């Protein structure tokens, strides 16, 4: 099956001397949930920016829904790709409804204003993210977790095939981290969205994501089924940290082990993970 996102021989660097991403080729299949993980500076956010055309590659190609990304108009690309950036505190006094309706701008008719259908779509997105009760409150009055759900509602209202998210759970507590990933998984399963999320949390990735793209491996990158890719050895290679690998039922997890965890090798041997 061809990918809804196809990356071929991609190379990118902010200077001509250094390539952050080099000779990358991979496909993201329609309707899958893919995590992008790796150490700081590996190029995770850079790759996300390339996939939404905020940056252009030095060489190689990116295709979105079988067409070269550079062939799309801004409006046409918005119908394919929605982006949720790292959560930032808003500086303008927009209401939650106004914020979500911004996603409908590419679809406005000749009047240049939203219509009834746009408001219905915005309301549906607010309901899906449990933020409808905030519709007419200023965005600035919400907590970080609530604002992040609003930004995801805006992405849903954009009605794009693909959602790209840059560390969507950054700065959130455990409850809101799980809540955001529950919401994204629901969008994948119930709405058929293709979701690509940059994350530092491999435990959330292994629980929710079908596949994972690891940047910073010895080969430059590694992509595959999340549970097949993530292992103590691969995590050590990519992140340069030892982990304890465990499981409860069908759920797997990894605990990073610092220098005071003297029995780390013994723990993994006893658990059968190495």
Protein backbone atom coordinates (compact mmCIF):
# COMPACT_ATOMS: atom_id res chain seq x y z
CA UNK A 1 0.00 0.00 0.00
CA UNK A 2 1.34 3.41 -0.91
CA UNK A 3 1.62 5.97 1.84
CA UNK A 4 -0.53 9.02 2.39
CA UNK A 5 2.83 10.58 3.32
CA UNK A 6 5.75 9.41 1.18
CA UNK A 7 9.29 10.57 1.89
CA UNK A 8 11.99 9.68 -0.63
CA UNK A 9 15.73 10.31 -0.21
CA UNK A 10 15.10 13.34 2.00
CA UNK A 11 18.07 15.39 3.14
CA UNK A 12 17.87 18.63 5.10
CA UNK A 13 20.27 20.87 6.95
CA UNK A 14 20.02 24.44 8.18
CA UNK A 15 23.52 25.02 6.78
CA UNK A 16 25.23 23.50 3.76
CA UNK A 17 27.89 21.91 5.97
CA UNK A 18 25.66 19.82 8.23
CA UNK A 19 22.66 17.64 7.40
CA UNK A 20 20.30 17.07 10.32
CA UNK A 21 18.30 14.55 8.29
CA UNK A 22 20.06 12.53 5.61
CA UNK A 23 18.79 10.17 2.89
CA UNK A 24 15.51 9.37 4.63
CA UNK A 25 12.89 7.27 2.87
CA UNK A 26 9.68 6.02 4.48
CA UNK A 27 5.91 5.86 4.00
CA UNK A 28 3.09 6.60 6.43
CA UNK A 29 0.08 4.46 5.58
CA UNK A 30 -3.41 6.03 5.61
CA UNK A 31 -5.19 5.80 8.95
CA UNK A 32 -2.14 4.96 11.05
CA UNK A 33 -0.81 6.58 14.22
CA UNK A 34 2.94 7.15 13.99
CA UNK A 35 5.26 8.47 16.69
CA UNK A 36 8.48 10.34 15.92
CA UNK A 37 10.95 9.96 18.77
CA UNK A 38 14.62 10.53 19.42
CA UNK A 39 17.05 12.58 21.48
CA UNK A 40 17.13 16.36 21.51
CA UNK A 41 18.59 17.76 18.31
CA UNK A 42 17.86 14.64 16.25
CA UNK A 43 15.54 16.57 13.91
CA UNK A 44 12.07 15.54 15.07
CA UNK A 45 10.42 18.97 14.84
CA UNK A 46 12.42 19.69 11.69
CA UNK A 47 10.97 16.60 10.02
CA UNK A 48 7.46 17.61 11.08
CA UNK A 49 8.02 21.06 9.57
CA UNK A 50 9.15 19.47 6.32
CA UNK A 51 5.99 17.35 6.20
CA UNK A 52 3.78 20.45 6.39
CA UNK A 53 5.97 22.57 4.05
CA UNK A 54 7.07 25.01 6.73
CA UNK A 55 10.52 23.97 5.52
CA UNK A 56 11.64 22.61 2.15
CA UNK A 57 14.23 19.82 1.80
CA UNK A 58 17.70 20.38 0.41
CA UNK A 59 17.14 17.29 -1.71
CA UNK A 60 14.62 14.50 -2.04
CA UNK A 61 10.84 14.56 -2.27
CA UNK A 62 7.80 14.54 -0.02
CA UNK A 63 4.42 13.50 -1.40
CA UNK A 64 1.13 14.07 0.37
CA UNK A 65 -1.73 11.90 -0.87
CA UNK A 66 0.30 10.98 -3.97
CA UNK A 67 1.11 14.58 -5.02
CA UNK A 68 4.37 16.46 -4.51
CA UNK A 69 4.03 18.71 -1.47
CA UNK A 70 5.25 21.75 -3.41
CA UNK A 71 2.45 21.30 -5.97
CA UNK A 72 -0.27 22.23 -3.47
CA UNK A 73 -1.64 25.70 -2.97
CA UNK A 74 -1.76 26.82 0.65
CA UNK A 75 -5.52 26.25 0.70
CA UNK A 76 -5.28 22.81 -0.89
CA UNK A 77 -2.54 21.71 1.50
CA UNK A 78 -4.67 22.82 4.46
CA UNK A 79 -7.33 20.39 3.28
CA UNK A 80 -4.76 17.60 3.54
CA UNK A 81 -2.63 18.51 6.57
CA UNK A 82 -3.47 20.08 9.95
CA UNK A 83 -0.67 21.02 12.34
CA UNK A 84 -0.73 21.31 16.14
CA UNK A 85 2.40 23.08 17.38
CA UNK A 86 3.91 22.86 20.84
CA UNK A 87 1.51 24.49 23.29
CA UNK A 88 2.18 28.19 23.80
CA UNK A 89 0.27 30.63 25.97
CA UNK A 90 -2.01 32.72 23.72
CA UNK A 91 -1.37 36.46 23.59
CA UNK A 92 -4.58 37.57 21.89
CA UNK A 93 -8.08 37.64 23.33
CA UNK A 94 -9.76 35.19 20.97
CA UNK A 95 -12.53 33.02 22.32
CA UNK A 96 -12.35 29.25 22.07
CA UNK A 97 -14.96 29.25 19.29
CA UNK A 98 -13.06 31.92 17.35
CA UNK A 99 -9.88 29.89 17.70
CA UNK A 100 -11.49 26.73 16.34
CA UNK A 101 -13.25 28.59 13.53
CA UNK A 102 -9.86 29.79 12.27
CA UNK A 103 -9.42 26.26 10.94
CA UNK A 104 -12.38 26.78 8.62
CA UNK A 105 -10.85 29.80 6.84
CA UNK A 106 -9.75 27.77 3.76
CA UNK A 107 -13.37 26.74 3.26
CA UNK A 108 -15.06 30.14 3.56
CA UNK A 109 -17.17 31.14 0.58
CA UNK A 110 -17.21 34.38 -1.38
CA UNK A 111 -18.37 36.38 1.67
CA UNK A 112 -15.12 35.63 3.49
CA UNK A 113 -17.01 34.66 6.66
CA UNK A 114 -17.98 31.37 8.24
CA UNK A 115 -21.34 29.88 7.44
CA UNK A 116 -23.71 27.62 9.33
CA UNK A 117 -21.88 24.49 8.16
CA UNK A 118 -18.58 25.86 9.47
CA UNK A 119 -20.09 26.51 12.88
CA UNK A 120 -21.59 23.03 12.97
CA UNK A 121 -18.20 21.50 12.18
CA UNK A 122 -16.55 23.66 14.87
CA UNK A 123 -19.21 22.63 17.40
CA UNK A 124 -18.68 18.95 16.54
CA UNK A 125 -14.92 19.35 17.07
CA UNK A 126 -15.49 21.04 20.42
CA UNK A 127 -17.84 18.25 21.48
CA UNK A 128 -15.32 15.60 20.41
CA UNK A 129 -12.60 17.19 22.53
CA UNK A 130 -14.83 17.92 25.54
CA UNK A 131 -14.28 21.67 25.17
CA UNK A 132 -17.75 22.78 24.05
CA UNK A 133 -18.45 24.21 27.50
CA UNK A 134 -15.58 26.65 26.96
CA UNK A 135 -16.80 27.84 23.55
CA UNK A 136 -17.29 31.49 24.47
CA UNK A 137 -14.60 31.80 27.09
CA UNK A 138 -11.32 33.55 26.25
CA UNK A 139 -8.64 31.06 25.30
CA UNK A 140 -6.36 32.77 27.81
CA UNK A 141 -8.63 31.70 30.67
CA UNK A 142 -8.05 27.98 30.11
CA UNK A 143 -5.43 25.69 31.60
CA UNK A 144 -2.64 24.24 29.47
CA UNK A 145 -4.43 20.92 29.11
CA UNK A 146 -7.69 22.60 28.15
CA UNK A 147 -5.96 24.83 25.60
CA UNK A 148 -4.23 21.85 24.05
CA UNK A 149 -7.59 20.13 23.59
CA UNK A 150 -8.85 23.31 21.91
CA UNK A 151 -5.90 23.28 19.50
CA UNK A 152 -6.68 19.66 18.66
CA UNK A 153 -10.33 20.66 18.16
CA UNK A 154 -9.11 23.29 15.70
CA UNK A 155 -7.13 20.62 13.85
CA UNK A 156 -10.21 18.38 13.72
CA UNK A 157 -12.34 21.26 12.43
CA UNK A 158 -9.86 21.76 9.61
CA UNK A 159 -11.17 18.42 8.33
CA UNK A 160 -7.78 17.38 7.00
CA UNK A 161 -6.71 13.83 6.21
CA UNK A 162 -3.52 14.15 8.25
CA UNK A 163 -2.79 15.58 11.70
CA UNK A 164 0.80 16.49 12.57
CA UNK A 165 1.51 17.24 16.24
CA UNK A 166 4.71 18.52 17.83
CA UNK A 167 5.00 17.21 21.39
CA UNK A 168 1.25 17.52 22.09
CA UNK A 169 1.66 16.57 25.76
CA UNK A 170 4.53 18.93 26.53
CA UNK A 171 4.18 20.48 30.04
CA UNK A 172 1.02 18.46 30.81
CA UNK A 173 0.43 16.32 33.90
CA UNK A 174 -0.09 12.57 33.63
CA UNK A 175 -3.88 12.75 33.46
CA UNK A 176 -3.84 15.27 30.62
CA UNK A 177 -1.09 13.41 28.77
CA UNK A 178 -3.21 10.27 28.67
CA UNK A 179 -6.31 12.32 27.85
CA UNK A 180 -4.63 13.89 24.81
CA UNK A 181 -3.50 10.51 23.50
CA UNK A 182 -6.96 9.02 24.12
CA UNK A 183 -8.35 11.87 22.05
CA UNK A 184 -5.87 11.35 19.21
CA UNK A 185 -6.47 7.59 19.16
CA UNK A 186 -10.21 8.21 18.98
CA UNK A 187 -9.69 10.54 16.00
CA UNK A 188 -7.68 7.82 14.31
CA UNK A 189 -10.11 4.98 15.01
CA UNK A 190 -13.44 6.79 14.59
CA UNK A 191 -12.57 9.42 11.97
CA UNK A 192 -9.87 7.61 10.03
CA UNK A 193 -7.27 10.30 10.63
CA UNK A 194 -3.61 9.70 9.89
CA UNK A 195 -1.72 11.00 12.91
CA UNK A 196 1.99 11.74 13.23
CA UNK A 197 3.13 12.96 16.65
CA UNK A 198 6.56 13.99 17.89
CA UNK A 199 7.06 12.66 21.40
CA UNK A 200 9.69 12.10 24.07
CA UNK A 201 7.52 9.54 25.85
CA UNK A 202 8.19 6.07 24.50
CA UNK A 203 5.69 4.59 26.95
CA UNK A 204 2.85 6.61 25.46
CA UNK A 205 4.13 5.69 22.01
CA UNK A 206 4.14 1.96 22.69
CA UNK A 207 0.63 2.14 24.16
CA UNK A 208 -1.04 4.24 21.45
CA UNK A 209 1.03 4.32 18.25
CA UNK A 210 0.98 1.70 15.50
CA UNK A 211 4.46 2.58 14.28
CA UNK A 212 7.43 4.59 15.49
CA UNK A 213 10.13 6.48 13.62
CA UNK A 214 13.27 6.69 15.74
CA UNK A 215 15.75 9.40 14.81
CA UNK A 216 19.32 9.25 16.04
CA UNK A 217 19.95 5.54 15.50
CA UNK A 218 23.33 4.38 14.20
CA UNK A 219 21.73 4.07 10.77
CA UNK A 220 20.32 7.60 11.08
CA UNK A 221 16.73 6.47 11.57
CA UNK A 222 14.63 3.37 12.09
CA UNK A 223 10.90 2.89 11.43
CA UNK A 224 8.60 -0.04 12.07
CA UNK A 225 5.88 -1.46 14.30
CA UNK A 226 6.24 0.20 17.69
CA UNK A 227 6.46 -2.97 19.77
CA UNK A 228 8.93 -4.51 17.32
CA UNK A 229 11.19 -1.46 17.20
CA UNK A 230 11.36 -0.57 20.89
CA UNK A 231 13.70 -2.77 22.88
CA UNK A 232 16.27 -2.09 25.61
CA UNK A 233 19.03 -2.46 23.02
CA UNK A 234 17.48 -0.05 20.52
CA UNK A 235 16.66 2.48 23.25
CA UNK A 236 20.27 2.29 24.45
CA UNK A 237 21.51 2.85 20.90
CA UNK A 238 19.27 5.85 20.24
CA UNK A 239 19.01 7.55 23.64
CA UNK A 240 22.24 6.31 25.28
CA UNK A 241 20.41 5.22 28.41
CA UNK A 242 19.78 1.80 29.95
CA UNK A 243 16.18 0.87 30.63
CA UNK A 244 14.28 -1.76 32.53
CA UNK A 245 11.71 -3.41 30.26
CA UNK A 246 8.59 -4.79 31.86
CA UNK A 247 4.98 -5.56 31.18
CA UNK A 248 1.56 -5.89 32.75
CA UNK A 249 -0.73 -8.11 30.71
CA UNK A 250 -0.37 -6.96 27.11
CA UNK A 251 0.98 -3.53 28.06
CA UNK A 252 4.74 -3.03 27.82
CA UNK A 253 6.75 -0.28 29.47
CA UNK A 254 10.29 0.98 29.90
CA UNK A 255 11.87 2.63 32.95
CA UNK A 256 15.10 4.59 32.39
CA UNK A 257 17.88 3.56 34.76
CA UNK A 258 20.37 6.11 36.06
CA UNK A 259 23.83 5.48 37.44
CA UNK A 260 22.47 4.57 40.88
CA UNK A 261 20.41 1.68 39.46
CA UNK A 262 23.28 -0.77 40.00
CA UNK A 263 21.19 -3.86 39.37
CA UNK A 264 19.86 -2.72 35.98
CA UNK A 265 21.38 -5.61 34.02
CA UNK A 266 20.25 -8.12 36.65
CA UNK A 267 16.72 -6.67 36.60
CA UNK A 268 16.41 -7.14 32.87
CA UNK A 269 17.85 -10.66 33.01
CA UNK A 270 15.42 -11.68 35.74
CA UNK A 271 12.49 -10.27 33.79
CA UNK A 272 13.54 -12.19 30.68
CA UNK A 273 14.00 -9.05 28.60
CA UNK A 274 17.71 -9.63 27.88
